[in-house]
Amino acid sequence: MSITISSPNMEDTETLYGKYIEIPGNEGASFDDFYEFLSVESAGRQLFLEEYCTYEFIEVENTVVLKFSVKV
């Protein structure tokens, strides 16, 4: 099953990427690395999303959409 990442605006995506590269070990991570991190189910992804986002996963046929917005 493929995953699509969705947010209401690019600013939220950039903010979340900024949070991601602040995590020790991710300082040199590219945006592609960040996208892959969000695309693969893991305990680390779950903790990251719970810390920084409101989010939901929506199944649409053979695709899962991760829809998020940054917590204020």
N, C-alpha and C. Protein backbone atom coordinates (compact mmCIF):
# COMPACT_ATOMS: atom_id res chain seq x y z
N MET A 1 0.85 -1.17 0.00
CA MET A 1 0.00 0.00 0.00
C MET A 1 0.90 1.24 0.00
N SER A 2 0.60 2.20 -0.82
CA SER A 2 1.39 3.43 -0.86
C SER A 2 0.83 4.44 0.14
N ILE A 3 1.64 5.44 0.46
CA ILE A 3 1.19 6.48 1.38
C ILE A 3 1.38 7.84 0.73
N THR A 4 0.40 8.70 0.95
CA THR A 4 0.45 10.08 0.48
C THR A 4 0.46 10.97 1.72
N ILE A 5 1.29 11.99 1.71
CA ILE A 5 1.39 12.92 2.83
C ILE A 5 0.65 14.19 2.44
N SER A 6 -0.21 14.69 3.35
CA SER A 6 -1.02 15.86 3.05
C SER A 6 -1.07 16.79 4.26
N SER A 7 -0.92 18.08 4.01
CA SER A 7 -1.11 19.08 5.06
C SER A 7 -1.86 20.26 4.46
N PRO A 8 -2.50 21.07 5.31
CA PRO A 8 -3.31 22.16 4.78
C PRO A 8 -2.49 23.25 4.07
N ASN A 9 -1.20 23.35 4.39
CA ASN A 9 -0.37 24.35 3.71
C ASN A 9 1.10 23.95 3.79
N MET A 10 1.89 24.52 2.93
CA MET A 10 3.32 24.19 2.86
C MET A 10 4.04 24.62 4.14
N GLU A 11 3.55 25.67 4.77
CA GLU A 11 4.17 26.17 5.99
C GLU A 11 4.20 25.09 7.08
N ASP A 12 3.10 24.34 7.22
CA ASP A 12 3.06 23.25 8.20
C ASP A 12 4.10 22.19 7.88
N THR A 13 4.25 21.86 6.62
CA THR A 13 5.23 20.86 6.21
C THR A 13 6.64 21.35 6.52
N GLU A 14 6.93 22.60 6.23
CA GLU A 14 8.26 23.15 6.50
C GLU A 14 8.53 23.21 8.00
N THR A 15 7.52 23.58 8.79
CA THR A 15 7.67 23.62 10.24
C THR A 15 7.96 22.24 10.79
N LEU A 16 7.23 21.25 10.32
CA LEU A 16 7.43 19.88 10.79
C LEU A 16 8.80 19.35 10.37
N TYR A 17 9.24 19.68 9.17
CA TYR A 17 10.58 19.29 8.73
C TYR A 17 11.64 19.92 9.64
N GLY A 18 11.42 21.17 10.02
CA GLY A 18 12.34 21.85 10.95
C GLY A 18 12.43 21.12 12.28
N LYS A 19 11.30 20.64 12.78
CA LYS A 19 11.30 19.85 14.02
C LYS A 19 12.07 18.55 13.83
N TYR A 20 11.89 17.94 12.67
CA TYR A 20 12.55 16.66 12.37
C TYR A 20 14.07 16.81 12.38
N ILE A 21 14.59 17.85 11.76
CA ILE A 21 16.05 17.99 11.68
C ILE A 21 16.66 18.49 12.99
N GLU A 22 15.82 18.90 13.95
CA GLU A 22 16.32 19.26 15.29
C GLU A 22 16.60 18.02 16.14
N ILE A 23 16.06 16.89 15.75
CA ILE A 23 16.26 15.65 16.51
C ILE A 23 17.70 15.18 16.30
N PRO A 24 18.42 14.87 17.40
CA PRO A 24 19.81 14.41 17.25
C PRO A 24 19.90 13.23 16.27
N GLY A 25 20.85 13.36 15.35
CA GLY A 25 21.05 12.35 14.32
C GLY A 25 20.38 12.70 13.01
N ASN A 26 19.47 13.66 13.02
CA ASN A 26 18.75 14.05 11.80
C ASN A 26 19.21 15.40 11.24
N GLU A 27 20.25 15.97 11.83
CA GLU A 27 20.67 17.32 11.45
C GLU A 27 20.94 17.47 9.95
N GLY A 28 21.48 16.44 9.33
CA GLY A 28 21.81 16.50 7.91
C GLY A 28 20.76 15.87 7.01
N ALA A 29 19.59 15.57 7.57
CA ALA A 29 18.55 14.88 6.80
C ALA A 29 17.96 15.79 5.72
N SER A 30 17.75 15.22 4.57
CA SER A 30 17.12 15.95 3.47
C SER A 30 15.60 15.89 3.61
N PHE A 31 14.92 16.66 2.78
CA PHE A 31 13.46 16.61 2.79
C PHE A 31 12.98 15.23 2.34
N ASP A 32 13.72 14.60 1.43
CA ASP A 32 13.38 13.23 1.00
C ASP A 32 13.48 12.25 2.17
N ASP A 33 14.51 12.42 3.01
CA ASP A 33 14.64 11.58 4.20
C ASP A 33 13.43 11.77 5.12
N PHE A 34 13.02 13.01 5.28
CA PHE A 34 11.86 13.33 6.12
C PHE A 34 10.60 12.69 5.55
N TYR A 35 10.41 12.77 4.25
CA TYR A 35 9.24 12.16 3.61
C TYR A 35 9.25 10.65 3.82
N GLU A 36 10.41 10.04 3.67
CA GLU A 36 10.52 8.60 3.88
C GLU A 36 10.19 8.24 5.33
N PHE A 37 10.68 9.05 6.28
CA PHE A 37 10.38 8.84 7.70
C PHE A 37 8.87 8.84 7.94
N LEU A 38 8.17 9.79 7.33
CA LEU A 38 6.71 9.87 7.50
C LEU A 38 5.99 8.75 6.77
N SER A 39 6.61 8.20 5.74
CA SER A 39 5.96 7.19 4.91
C SER A 39 6.05 5.77 5.47
N VAL A 40 6.97 5.54 6.39
CA VAL A 40 7.20 4.19 6.90
C VAL A 40 6.70 4.10 8.35
N GLU A 41 5.83 3.14 8.58
CA GLU A 41 5.29 2.95 9.93
C GLU A 41 6.40 2.55 10.90
N SER A 42 6.48 3.29 12.02
CA SER A 42 7.47 2.98 13.05
C SER A 42 7.04 3.62 14.36
N ALA A 43 7.61 3.13 15.46
CA ALA A 43 7.33 3.73 16.76
C ALA A 43 7.84 5.17 16.80
N GLY A 44 8.99 5.42 16.18
CA GLY A 44 9.55 6.77 16.13
C GLY A 44 8.63 7.75 15.41
N ARG A 45 8.06 7.30 14.29
CA ARG A 45 7.13 8.16 13.55
C ARG A 45 5.91 8.45 14.40
N GLN A 46 5.39 7.43 15.06
CA GLN A 46 4.20 7.60 15.90
C GLN A 46 4.45 8.63 17.00
N LEU A 47 5.58 8.51 17.69
CA LEU A 47 5.92 9.46 18.75
C LEU A 47 6.09 10.87 18.21
N PHE A 48 6.74 10.99 17.07
CA PHE A 48 6.97 12.29 16.44
C PHE A 48 5.64 12.95 16.09
N LEU A 49 4.75 12.21 15.44
CA LEU A 49 3.46 12.77 15.05
C LEU A 49 2.65 13.17 16.28
N GLU A 50 2.65 12.34 17.31
CA GLU A 50 1.89 12.66 18.52
C GLU A 50 2.43 13.90 19.22
N GLU A 51 3.73 14.09 19.16
CA GLU A 51 4.36 15.24 19.81
C GLU A 51 4.06 16.55 19.09
N TYR A 52 4.11 16.55 17.77
CA TYR A 52 4.09 17.80 17.01
C TYR A 52 2.85 18.05 16.17
N CYS A 53 1.96 17.08 16.02
CA CYS A 53 0.87 17.22 15.05
C CYS A 53 -0.48 16.79 15.61
N THR A 54 -1.50 17.25 14.92
CA THR A 54 -2.77 16.56 14.93
C THR A 54 -2.81 15.88 13.57
N TYR A 55 -3.24 14.63 13.55
CA TYR A 55 -3.14 13.89 12.30
C TYR A 55 -4.18 12.78 12.24
N GLU A 56 -4.36 12.29 11.04
CA GLU A 56 -5.20 11.12 10.84
C GLU A 56 -4.71 10.38 9.60
N PHE A 57 -4.96 9.08 9.59
CA PHE A 57 -4.67 8.26 8.43
C PHE A 57 -6.00 7.93 7.77
N ILE A 58 -6.09 8.14 6.47
CA ILE A 58 -7.32 7.89 5.72
C ILE A 58 -7.00 6.88 4.62
N GLU A 59 -7.73 5.78 4.58
CA GLU A 59 -7.53 4.78 3.53
C GLU A 59 -8.42 5.10 2.34
N VAL A 60 -7.81 5.17 1.16
CA VAL A 60 -8.51 5.39 -0.09
C VAL A 60 -8.01 4.34 -1.07
N GLU A 61 -8.81 3.32 -1.29
CA GLU A 61 -8.44 2.18 -2.13
C GLU A 61 -7.09 1.62 -1.71
N ASN A 62 -6.07 1.69 -2.57
CA ASN A 62 -4.75 1.12 -2.26
C ASN A 62 -3.77 2.15 -1.72
N THR A 63 -4.28 3.27 -1.25
CA THR A 63 -3.43 4.35 -0.76
C THR A 63 -3.86 4.74 0.64
N VAL A 64 -2.88 5.05 1.48
CA VAL A 64 -3.15 5.61 2.79
C VAL A 64 -2.69 7.06 2.75
N VAL A 65 -3.55 7.96 3.17
CA VAL A 65 -3.22 9.38 3.21
C VAL A 65 -2.95 9.76 4.66
N LEU A 66 -1.77 10.31 4.92
CA LEU A 66 -1.44 10.88 6.22
C LEU A 66 -1.75 12.36 6.12
N LYS A 67 -2.79 12.79 6.80
CA LYS A 67 -3.21 14.19 6.79
C LYS A 67 -2.84 14.78 8.15
N PHE A 68 -2.05 15.86 8.14
CA PHE A 68 -1.60 16.43 9.41
C PHE A 68 -1.62 17.94 9.40
N SER A 69 -1.64 18.50 10.59
CA SER A 69 -1.38 19.92 10.78
C SER A 69 -0.56 20.05 12.06
N VAL A 70 0.30 21.05 12.11
CA VAL A 70 1.20 21.24 13.25
C VAL A 70 0.39 21.76 14.43
N LYS A 71 0.68 21.21 15.62
CA LYS A 71 0.02 21.69 16.84
C LYS A 71 0.46 23.11 17.11
N VAL A 72 -0.46 23.91 17.57
CA VAL A 72 -0.16 25.32 17.88
C VAL A 72 0.31 25.44 19.30
